[in-house]
């Protein structure tokens, strides 16, 4: 709900896909690249991150991650103690690095 609200308030076109089996995130990311999405943001843990990166590899799409997995080891190293609201806002409204 936080993601939808922020995108709607900011008038950002977005699409949310839910995975149900292995490799769904990879296929969804590939589809997003084919459709020309500028950002592909993974919401999940390390496994989801891995799948989405594989799906956007070689494209010009910017990658983001919002931690929502059980471990979140990778993203915890990057974001430290940032609040989830700050992480979501930076992923959606921030500048690519």
C-alpha atoms as a PDB file:
ATOM      1  CA  UNK A   1       0.000   0.000   0.000  1.00  0.00           C
ATOM      2  CA  UNK A   2       2.869   2.425   0.715  1.00  0.00           C
ATOM      3  CA  UNK A   3       4.288   1.926  -2.775  1.00  0.00           C
ATOM      4  CA  UNK A   4       0.928   2.418  -4.505  1.00  0.00           C
ATOM      5  CA  UNK A   5       0.138   5.532  -2.480  1.00  0.00           C
ATOM      6  CA  UNK A   6       3.527   7.150  -3.187  1.00  0.00           C
ATOM      7  CA  UNK A   7       3.353   6.391  -6.909  1.00  0.00           C
ATOM      8  CA  UNK A   8      -0.191   7.705  -7.203  1.00  0.00           C
ATOM      9  CA  UNK A   9       0.594  10.888  -5.241  1.00  0.00           C
ATOM     10  CA  UNK A  10       3.670  11.456  -7.422  1.00  0.00           C
ATOM     11  CA  UNK A  11       1.747  10.638 -10.631  1.00  0.00           C
ATOM     12  CA  UNK A  12       4.149   7.819 -11.490  1.00  0.00           C
ATOM     13  CA  UNK A  13       2.956   5.016 -13.748  1.00  0.00           C
ATOM     14  CA  UNK A  14       3.697   1.716 -12.054  1.00  0.00           C
ATOM     15  CA  UNK A  15       2.822  -1.935 -12.064  1.00  0.00           C
ATOM     16  CA  UNK A  16       3.082  -4.384  -9.182  1.00  0.00           C
ATOM     17  CA  UNK A  17       3.566  -8.084  -9.905  1.00  0.00           C
ATOM     18  CA  UNK A  18       3.369 -10.854  -7.313  1.00  0.00           C
ATOM     19  CA  UNK A  19       5.485 -13.968  -7.651  1.00  0.00           C
ATOM     20  CA  UNK A  20       4.078 -17.405  -7.013  1.00  0.00           C
ATOM     21  CA  UNK A  21       6.902 -19.689  -8.096  1.00  0.00           C
ATOM     22  CA  UNK A  22      10.649 -19.712  -8.801  1.00  0.00           C
ATOM     23  CA  UNK A  23      11.775 -17.578 -11.749  1.00  0.00           C
ATOM     24  CA  UNK A  24       8.609 -15.445 -11.738  1.00  0.00           C
ATOM     25  CA  UNK A  25      10.634 -12.386 -10.701  1.00  0.00           C
ATOM     26  CA  UNK A  26      13.123 -12.959 -13.531  1.00  0.00           C
ATOM     27  CA  UNK A  27      10.329 -13.205 -16.095  1.00  0.00           C
ATOM     28  CA  UNK A  28       8.507 -10.164 -14.676  1.00  0.00           C
ATOM     29  CA  UNK A  29      11.742  -8.130 -14.812  1.00  0.00           C
ATOM     30  CA  UNK A  30      12.373  -9.182 -18.426  1.00  0.00           C
ATOM     31  CA  UNK A  31       8.818  -8.165 -19.284  1.00  0.00           C
ATOM     32  CA  UNK A  32       9.334  -4.786 -17.608  1.00  0.00           C
ATOM     33  CA  UNK A  33      12.481  -4.231 -19.660  1.00  0.00           C
ATOM     34  CA  UNK A  34      10.623  -5.184 -22.879  1.00  0.00           C
ATOM     35  CA  UNK A  35       7.849  -2.733 -21.989  1.00  0.00           C
ATOM     36  CA  UNK A  36      10.384   0.054 -21.439  1.00  0.00           C
ATOM     37  CA  UNK A  37      10.095   0.529 -17.683  1.00  0.00           C
ATOM     38  CA  UNK A  38      12.851   2.859 -16.484  1.00  0.00           C
ATOM     39  CA  UNK A  39      13.077   1.247 -13.027  1.00  0.00           C
ATOM     40  CA  UNK A  40      12.602  -2.314 -11.935  1.00  0.00           C
ATOM     41  CA  UNK A  41      12.297  -2.551  -8.162  1.00  0.00           C
ATOM     42  CA  UNK A  42      12.442  -5.864  -6.351  1.00  0.00           C
ATOM     43  CA  UNK A  43      10.409  -6.160  -3.169  1.00  0.00           C
ATOM     44  CA  UNK A  44      11.665  -9.187  -1.284  1.00  0.00           C
ATOM     45  CA  UNK A  45      14.832 -10.767  -0.036  1.00  0.00           C
ATOM     46  CA  UNK A  46      18.104 -11.966  -1.462  1.00  0.00           C
ATOM     47  CA  UNK A  47      16.451 -14.567  -3.712  1.00  0.00           C
ATOM     48  CA  UNK A  48      14.112 -12.031  -5.280  1.00  0.00           C
ATOM     49  CA  UNK A  49      17.009  -9.613  -5.715  1.00  0.00           C
ATOM     50  CA  UNK A  50      18.965 -12.307  -7.558  1.00  0.00           C
ATOM     51  CA  UNK A  51      16.067 -13.147  -9.866  1.00  0.00           C
ATOM     52  CA  UNK A  52      15.342  -9.522 -10.760  1.00  0.00           C
ATOM     53  CA  UNK A  53      18.998  -8.759 -11.463  1.00  0.00           C
ATOM     54  CA  UNK A  54      19.074 -11.738 -13.821  1.00  0.00           C
ATOM     55  CA  UNK A  55      15.965 -10.387 -15.539  1.00  0.00           C
ATOM     56  CA  UNK A  56      17.352  -6.893 -16.173  1.00  0.00           C
ATOM     57  CA  UNK A  57      20.949  -7.884 -16.958  1.00  0.00           C
ATOM     58  CA  UNK A  58      22.198  -6.110 -20.066  1.00  0.00           C
ATOM     59  CA  UNK A  59      19.366  -3.559 -20.096  1.00  0.00           C
ATOM     60  CA  UNK A  60      19.312   0.154 -19.321  1.00  0.00           C
ATOM     61  CA  UNK A  61      16.688  -0.257 -16.586  1.00  0.00           C
ATOM     62  CA  UNK A  62      17.631   1.056 -13.158  1.00  0.00           C
ATOM     63  CA  UNK A  63      17.444  -1.507 -10.358  1.00  0.00           C
ATOM     64  CA  UNK A  64      16.138  -0.958  -6.856  1.00  0.00           C
ATOM     65  CA  UNK A  65      15.307  -3.179  -3.912  1.00  0.00           C
ATOM     66  CA  UNK A  66      12.907  -2.810  -1.035  1.00  0.00           C
ATOM     67  CA  UNK A  67      13.618  -5.347   1.719  1.00  0.00           C
ATOM     68  CA  UNK A  68      10.746  -7.696   2.481  1.00  0.00           C
ATOM     69  CA  UNK A  69      12.409 -11.096   2.752  1.00  0.00           C
ATOM     70  CA  UNK A  70      13.264 -13.225   5.735  1.00  0.00           C
ATOM     71  CA  UNK A  71      16.997 -12.474   5.764  1.00  0.00           C
ATOM     72  CA  UNK A  72      17.621  -9.372   3.643  1.00  0.00           C
ATOM     73  CA  UNK A  73      21.366  -9.736   4.216  1.00  0.00           C
ATOM     74  CA  UNK A  74      22.422  -7.865   1.084  1.00  0.00           C
ATOM     75  CA  UNK A  75      20.076  -4.917   1.428  1.00  0.00           C
ATOM     76  CA  UNK A  76      20.756  -4.574   5.161  1.00  0.00           C
ATOM     77  CA  UNK A  77      24.419  -3.977   4.340  1.00  0.00           C
ATOM     78  CA  UNK A  78      23.472  -1.200   1.912  1.00  0.00           C
ATOM     79  CA  UNK A  79      20.695   0.568   3.807  1.00  0.00           C
ATOM     80  CA  UNK A  80      21.818   0.063   7.377  1.00  0.00           C
ATOM     81  CA  UNK A  81      19.186   1.364   9.754  1.00  0.00           C
ATOM     82  CA  UNK A  82      17.095   3.407   7.294  1.00  0.00           C
ATOM     83  CA  UNK A  83      13.363   3.205   7.788  1.00  0.00           C
ATOM     84  CA  UNK A  84      11.313   1.219   5.288  1.00  0.00           C
ATOM     85  CA  UNK A  85       9.479   4.430   4.303  1.00  0.00           C
ATOM     86  CA  UNK A  86      12.805   6.126   3.475  1.00  0.00           C
ATOM     87  CA  UNK A  87      13.957   3.105   1.464  1.00  0.00           C
ATOM     88  CA  UNK A  88      10.713   3.034  -0.532  1.00  0.00           C
ATOM     89  CA  UNK A  89      10.828   6.780  -1.189  1.00  0.00           C
ATOM     90  CA  UNK A  90      14.456   6.650  -2.337  1.00  0.00           C
ATOM     91  CA  UNK A  91      13.759   3.722  -4.655  1.00  0.00           C
ATOM     92  CA  UNK A  92      10.769   5.395  -6.294  1.00  0.00           C
ATOM     93  CA  UNK A  93      11.686   9.083  -6.275  1.00  0.00           C
ATOM     94  CA  UNK A  94      15.473   9.076  -5.905  1.00  0.00           C
ATOM     95  CA  UNK A  95      18.081   9.627  -8.581  1.00  0.00           C
ATOM     96  CA  UNK A  96      19.921   6.679 -10.112  1.00  0.00           C
ATOM     97  CA  UNK A  97      23.567   6.378  -9.158  1.00  0.00           C
END
